[in-house]
N, C-alpha and C. Protein backbone atom coordinates (compact mmCIF):
# COMPACT_ATOMS: atom_id res chain seq x y z
N UNK A 1 -95.57 149.04 -8.05
CA UNK A 1 -94.90 147.24 -7.56
C UNK A 1 -95.77 146.77 -6.38
N UNK A 2 -96.63 145.64 -6.49
CA UNK A 2 -96.64 144.69 -5.09
C UNK A 2 -95.91 144.52 -4.15
N UNK A 3 -95.94 144.84 -3.00
CA UNK A 3 -94.89 144.59 -2.13
C UNK A 3 -95.63 143.65 -1.03
N UNK A 4 -95.39 142.32 -0.73
CA UNK A 4 -95.90 141.38 0.13
C UNK A 4 -95.75 141.95 1.41
N UNK A 5 -94.32 141.99 1.84
CA UNK A 5 -94.97 142.87 3.02
C UNK A 5 -95.25 144.44 3.85
N UNK A 6 -95.46 144.82 2.74
CA UNK A 6 -96.31 145.86 2.59
C UNK A 6 -97.67 145.80 3.18
N UNK A 7 -97.71 145.41 1.91
CA UNK A 7 -99.49 144.63 1.78
C UNK A 7 -99.72 143.96 2.80
N UNK A 8 -99.06 142.72 3.40
CA UNK A 8 -99.41 142.15 4.73
C UNK A 8 -99.32 142.97 5.91
N UNK A 9 -98.13 143.88 5.99
CA UNK A 9 -98.89 144.48 7.45
C UNK A 9 -99.97 145.94 7.55
N UNK A 10 -100.28 146.36 6.13
CA UNK A 10 -101.80 146.82 6.09
C UNK A 10 -102.50 146.00 6.81
N UNK A 11 -102.44 144.40 5.91
CA UNK A 11 -104.03 144.11 6.53
C UNK A 11 -104.13 143.47 7.84
N UNK A 12 -102.64 143.39 8.46
CA UNK A 12 -102.92 143.05 9.84
C UNK A 12 -102.88 144.41 10.99
N UNK A 13 -102.44 145.20 10.20
CA UNK A 13 -103.00 147.10 10.70
C UNK A 13 -104.11 146.91 11.21
N UNK A 14 -104.69 146.59 9.88
CA UNK A 14 -106.60 147.23 10.00
C UNK A 14 -107.21 146.33 11.01
N UNK A 15 -106.76 144.40 10.85
CA UNK A 15 -107.01 143.51 11.74
C UNK A 15 -107.20 144.36 13.21
N UNK A 16 -105.94 144.57 13.52
CA UNK A 16 -105.77 145.04 14.80
C UNK A 16 -106.38 145.90 15.08
N UNK A 17 -106.54 147.03 14.51
CA UNK A 17 -107.70 148.26 14.78
C UNK A 17 -109.06 147.56 14.89
N UNK A 18 -109.60 146.69 14.30
CA UNK A 18 -110.84 146.26 14.70
C UNK A 18 -110.73 145.39 15.89
N UNK A 19 -110.11 145.14 15.98
CA UNK A 19 -109.78 144.07 17.03
C UNK A 19 -109.83 145.09 18.33
N UNK A 20 -109.08 145.78 18.34
CA UNK A 20 -108.76 146.85 19.71
C UNK A 20 -110.28 147.97 19.91
N UNK A 21 -111.46 148.05 18.49
CA UNK A 21 -112.40 148.17 18.66
C UNK A 21 -112.80 147.67 19.64
N UNK A 22 -113.34 146.27 19.42
CA UNK A 22 -114.15 144.66 19.70
C UNK A 22 -113.61 145.01 22.00
N UNK A 23 -112.24 145.09 21.52
CA UNK A 23 -111.77 145.35 23.02
C UNK A 23 -112.54 146.62 23.89
N UNK A 24 -112.16 147.84 23.39
CA UNK A 24 -112.68 148.69 24.02
C UNK A 24 -114.66 148.55 24.42
N UNK A 25 -115.29 147.94 23.53
CA UNK A 25 -116.49 148.04 23.58
C UNK A 25 -116.59 146.40 25.03
N UNK A 26 -115.65 145.92 24.96
CA UNK A 26 -115.76 145.19 26.58
C UNK A 26 -115.37 145.44 27.71
N UNK A 27 -114.66 147.09 27.51
CA UNK A 27 -114.25 148.53 28.55
C UNK A 27 -112.71 147.54 28.75
N UNK A 28 -112.13 146.81 27.45
CA UNK A 28 -110.53 146.26 28.41
C UNK A 28 -109.66 147.34 27.39
N UNK A 29 -109.51 148.66 27.99
CA UNK A 29 -108.68 149.97 27.47
C UNK A 29 -107.34 149.37 27.65
N UNK A 30 -106.38 149.20 28.62
CA UNK A 30 -105.36 148.69 28.73
C UNK A 30 -104.60 147.73 27.73
N UNK A 31 -105.19 146.91 27.74
CA UNK A 31 -104.45 145.70 26.12
C UNK A 31 -105.06 146.31 25.29
N UNK A 32 -106.29 147.57 24.87
CA UNK A 32 -106.61 147.77 23.83
C UNK A 32 -105.05 148.37 23.48
N UNK A 33 -105.02 149.41 24.06
CA UNK A 33 -104.24 150.53 23.78
C UNK A 33 -102.34 149.97 23.23
N UNK A 34 -102.53 149.39 24.52
CA UNK A 34 -101.20 148.47 24.19
C UNK A 34 -100.62 147.59 22.89
N UNK A 35 -101.66 146.81 22.77
CA UNK A 35 -101.99 145.78 21.45
C UNK A 35 -101.78 147.19 20.12
N UNK A 36 -103.23 148.33 20.31
CA UNK A 36 -103.28 149.00 18.79
C UNK A 36 -101.93 149.90 18.60
N UNK A 37 -100.85 149.61 19.82
CA UNK A 37 -99.42 150.96 19.22
C UNK A 37 -98.85 149.92 19.13
N UNK A 38 -98.74 148.24 19.34
CA UNK A 38 -97.77 147.72 18.90
C UNK A 38 -97.73 146.95 17.72
N UNK A 39 -99.30 146.92 17.87
CA UNK A 39 -99.72 146.12 16.48
C UNK A 39 -99.89 147.14 14.88
N UNK A 40 -99.97 148.21 15.26
CA UNK A 40 -100.17 149.14 13.85
C UNK A 40 -98.41 149.38 13.87
N UNK A 41 -97.48 149.79 14.88
CA UNK A 41 -96.18 150.15 14.58
C UNK A 41 -95.14 149.35 13.58
N UNK A 42 -95.89 147.82 13.48
CA UNK A 42 -95.08 147.09 12.96
C UNK A 42 -95.16 147.66 11.37
N UNK A 43 -96.12 147.27 11.08
CA UNK A 43 -96.59 148.16 9.55
C UNK A 43 -95.53 149.56 9.29
N UNK A 44 -95.48 150.36 10.49
CA UNK A 44 -94.95 151.79 10.22
C UNK A 44 -93.66 151.70 10.47
N UNK A 45 -92.86 150.76 10.74
CA UNK A 45 -91.72 150.24 10.59
C UNK A 45 -91.23 149.89 9.37
N UNK A 46 -92.25 148.93 8.55
CA UNK A 46 -92.00 148.13 7.43
C UNK A 46 -91.69 149.08 6.41
N UNK A 47 -93.12 150.05 6.92
CA UNK A 47 -93.07 151.41 5.43
C UNK A 47 -91.78 152.22 5.79
N UNK A 48 -91.74 152.27 6.92
CA UNK A 48 -90.02 152.88 7.26
C UNK A 48 -88.80 152.51 5.75
N UNK A 49 -88.63 150.80 6.19
CA UNK A 49 -87.74 150.58 5.99
C UNK A 49 -87.84 150.50 4.67
N UNK A 50 -88.93 151.04 3.92
CA UNK A 50 -89.00 150.98 2.19
C UNK A 50 -87.94 152.10 1.45
N UNK A 51 -87.70 152.92 2.39
CA UNK A 51 -87.18 154.33 2.02
C UNK A 51 -85.94 154.62 3.06
N UNK A 52 -85.17 152.93 3.68
CA UNK A 52 -84.09 153.40 3.79
C UNK A 52 -83.07 154.03 3.51
N UNK A 53 -81.95 154.38 4.33
CA UNK A 53 -80.71 155.68 3.72
C UNK A 53 -79.99 154.28 3.28
N UNK A 54 -79.65 153.01 3.92
CA UNK A 54 -78.58 152.01 3.72
C UNK A 54 -79.09 150.74 4.33
N UNK A 55 -78.44 149.88 3.85
CA UNK A 55 -78.95 148.63 3.75
C UNK A 55 -78.59 148.36 5.28
N UNK A 56 -77.53 148.99 6.14
CA UNK A 56 -77.89 148.63 7.88
C UNK A 56 -79.21 149.52 8.27
N UNK A 57 -79.79 150.82 7.91
CA UNK A 57 -80.72 151.17 8.21
C UNK A 57 -81.90 149.85 8.08
N UNK A 58 -81.96 149.68 6.79
CA UNK A 58 -83.13 148.63 6.44
C UNK A 58 -83.46 147.80 6.85
N UNK A 59 -82.15 147.12 7.46
CA UNK A 59 -82.56 145.30 8.29
C UNK A 59 -82.64 146.55 9.80
N UNK A 60 -81.83 147.86 10.60
CA UNK A 60 -82.18 148.47 11.53
C UNK A 60 -83.59 148.26 12.18
N UNK A 61 -84.90 148.98 10.69
CA UNK A 61 -86.15 148.89 10.44
C UNK A 61 -86.92 147.86 10.66
N UNK A 62 -86.69 147.07 9.99
CA UNK A 62 -87.11 145.94 10.03
C UNK A 62 -86.46 144.68 11.40
N UNK A 63 -85.57 144.77 12.05
CA UNK A 63 -85.41 144.63 13.41
C UNK A 63 -86.89 144.96 14.10
N UNK A 64 -87.11 145.91 14.32
CA UNK A 64 -88.02 146.85 14.65
C UNK A 64 -89.05 146.62 14.84
N UNK A 65 -89.37 146.13 13.68
CA UNK A 65 -90.88 145.47 13.08
C UNK A 65 -91.10 144.82 13.91
N UNK A 66 -90.12 143.57 13.76
CA UNK A 66 -89.51 141.82 14.19
C UNK A 66 -90.04 142.72 15.82
N UNK A 67 -89.58 142.97 16.15
CA UNK A 67 -89.67 143.26 17.83
C UNK A 67 -90.74 143.68 17.98
N UNK A 68 -91.83 144.78 17.21
CA UNK A 68 -92.81 144.89 17.67
C UNK A 68 -94.47 144.00 17.66
N UNK A 69 -93.43 142.91 16.19
CA UNK A 69 -94.80 142.16 15.64
C UNK A 69 -94.88 140.86 17.79
N UNK A 70 -93.33 140.84 18.04
CA UNK A 70 -93.36 139.64 19.04
C UNK A 70 -93.95 140.84 19.88
N UNK A 71 -94.01 141.05 20.24
CA UNK A 71 -95.05 142.68 21.73
C UNK A 71 -96.30 142.14 21.55
N UNK A 72 -96.79 142.55 19.85
CA UNK A 72 -97.92 142.04 19.87
C UNK A 72 -98.12 140.63 20.13
N UNK A 73 -97.41 139.42 19.53
CA UNK A 73 -97.89 138.41 19.60
C UNK A 73 -98.21 138.02 21.35
N UNK A 74 -97.57 138.61 22.28
CA UNK A 74 -97.51 138.79 23.46
C UNK A 74 -98.63 139.25 24.05
N UNK A 75 -99.25 140.72 23.65
CA UNK A 75 -100.69 141.16 23.94
C UNK A 75 -101.89 140.08 23.79
N UNK A 76 -101.80 139.45 22.40
CA UNK A 76 -102.84 138.60 22.17
C UNK A 76 -102.70 137.08 22.48
N UNK A 77 -101.68 136.76 23.44
CA UNK A 77 -101.71 135.98 24.23
C UNK A 77 -102.36 135.87 25.28
N UNK A 78 -101.97 137.12 26.00
CA UNK A 78 -102.70 137.24 26.68
C UNK A 78 -104.46 137.69 26.66
N UNK A 79 -104.70 137.99 25.80
CA UNK A 79 -106.20 137.85 25.47
C UNK A 79 -106.63 136.58 25.22
N UNK A 80 -106.11 135.75 24.38
CA UNK A 80 -106.40 134.27 24.38
C UNK A 80 -106.44 133.92 26.01
N UNK A 81 -105.14 133.75 26.39
CA UNK A 81 -105.20 132.96 28.16
C UNK A 81 -106.91 133.47 28.96
N UNK A 82 -106.82 134.80 28.66
CA UNK A 82 -107.71 135.49 29.77
C UNK A 82 -109.03 134.48 29.47
N UNK A 83 -109.96 134.87 30.40
CA UNK A 83 -111.60 134.01 30.08
C UNK A 83 -112.47 135.20 29.71
N UNK A 84 -112.24 136.48 30.15
CA UNK A 84 -112.84 137.69 29.79
C UNK A 84 -112.57 138.53 28.62
N UNK A 85 -111.47 137.98 27.68
CA UNK A 85 -111.36 138.58 26.60
C UNK A 85 -111.67 137.99 25.75
N UNK A 86 -111.79 138.51 24.34
CA UNK A 86 -112.69 137.46 23.16
C UNK A 86 -111.21 137.47 22.13
N UNK A 87 -111.15 136.15 21.77
CA UNK A 87 -109.99 135.22 21.25
C UNK A 87 -110.34 135.87 19.52
N UNK A 88 -109.12 135.80 18.79
CA UNK A 88 -109.51 136.14 17.46
C UNK A 88 -108.08 135.22 16.88
N UNK A 89 -108.70 134.22 16.04
CA UNK A 89 -108.16 133.45 15.46
C UNK A 89 -107.65 133.41 14.23
N UNK A 90 -108.37 134.54 14.02
CA UNK A 90 -107.59 135.28 12.25
C UNK A 90 -106.58 136.30 12.58
N UNK A 91 -106.60 136.96 13.36
CA UNK A 91 -105.64 137.90 13.49
C UNK A 91 -104.15 136.89 14.02
N UNK A 92 -104.57 135.91 15.15
CA UNK A 92 -103.06 135.65 14.95
C UNK A 92 -102.58 134.78 14.02
N UNK A 93 -103.25 134.39 13.21
CA UNK A 93 -103.27 133.33 11.84
C UNK A 93 -102.20 134.70 10.80
N UNK A 94 -102.84 136.06 10.83
CA UNK A 94 -102.24 137.38 10.04
C UNK A 94 -100.86 137.13 10.84
N UNK A 95 -100.73 137.64 12.12
CA UNK A 95 -99.83 137.80 12.60
C UNK A 95 -98.52 136.55 12.19
N UNK A 96 -98.83 135.31 12.74
CA UNK A 96 -97.53 134.46 11.89
C UNK A 96 -97.53 134.45 10.89
N UNK A 97 -98.26 135.15 9.89
CA UNK A 97 -97.82 134.80 8.51
C UNK A 97 -97.03 135.60 8.36
N UNK A 98 -97.34 137.15 8.82
CA UNK A 98 -96.37 138.37 8.74
C UNK A 98 -95.05 137.89 9.23
N UNK A 99 -95.34 137.50 10.53
CA UNK A 99 -93.75 137.05 10.96
C UNK A 99 -93.11 135.85 10.12
N UNK A 100 -93.59 135.27 9.54
CA UNK A 100 -92.71 134.67 8.93
C UNK A 100 -92.00 135.51 7.46
N UNK A 101 -93.23 136.26 6.91
CA UNK A 101 -92.55 137.00 6.22
C UNK A 101 -90.96 137.63 6.44
N UNK A 102 -91.23 138.55 7.67
CA UNK A 102 -90.78 139.73 8.62
C UNK A 102 -89.33 139.05 8.90
N UNK A 103 -89.17 137.69 9.04
CA UNK A 103 -87.95 136.94 9.31
C UNK A 103 -87.55 136.62 8.61
N UNK A 104 -88.20 136.58 7.06
CA UNK A 104 -87.21 135.67 6.10
C UNK A 104 -86.68 136.81 5.23
N UNK A 105 -87.08 138.04 5.11
CA UNK A 105 -86.92 139.30 4.71
C UNK A 105 -85.45 139.94 5.63
N UNK A 106 -85.45 139.11 6.85
CA UNK A 106 -84.25 139.70 8.02
C UNK A 106 -83.19 138.60 7.74
N UNK A 107 -83.12 137.62 7.75
CA UNK A 107 -82.68 136.77 7.46
C UNK A 107 -81.64 136.60 5.86
N UNK A 108 -82.31 136.96 4.75
CA UNK A 108 -81.88 137.24 3.58
C UNK A 108 -80.82 138.34 3.73
N UNK A 109 -81.93 139.16 4.49
CA UNK A 109 -80.95 140.50 4.35
C UNK A 109 -79.01 140.65 4.98
N UNK A 110 -79.36 140.20 6.20
CA UNK A 110 -78.25 139.76 6.95
C UNK A 110 -77.19 139.05 6.41
N UNK A 111 -77.90 137.66 5.80
CA UNK A 111 -77.00 137.21 4.78
C UNK A 111 -76.31 137.83 3.58
N UNK A 112 -76.77 138.80 3.21
CA UNK A 112 -76.42 139.62 2.07
C UNK A 112 -76.00 140.76 2.38
N UNK A 113 -75.88 141.34 3.18
CA UNK A 113 -75.20 142.39 3.93
C UNK A 113 -74.30 143.19 3.39
N UNK A 114 -73.45 142.73 3.03
CA UNK A 114 -72.19 143.09 1.99
C UNK A 114 -72.09 143.28 0.43
């Protein structure tokens, strides 16, 4: 069965990995490592949520994914605003799309908690 949030999280993680490899060629190691950790953690938490022990556990894991998404956005904003970093509009767009899905899942899950 296809799962859009899982699929999108994998797509984003692969784009994050590619972008971090580019950052490494620019010797931007600190931001690259931070971005790699937060950007791939989004999908890891979404994957964990697929086997949650309860509705509360599912919501908790999706909330962690949302936090990692926001951290990833922060690192991407720093890259965008710095003149010495390459910009990646496609990655920003994909992160925003994933965010819309994650926040919709959260609002629906919290509303239907009981």
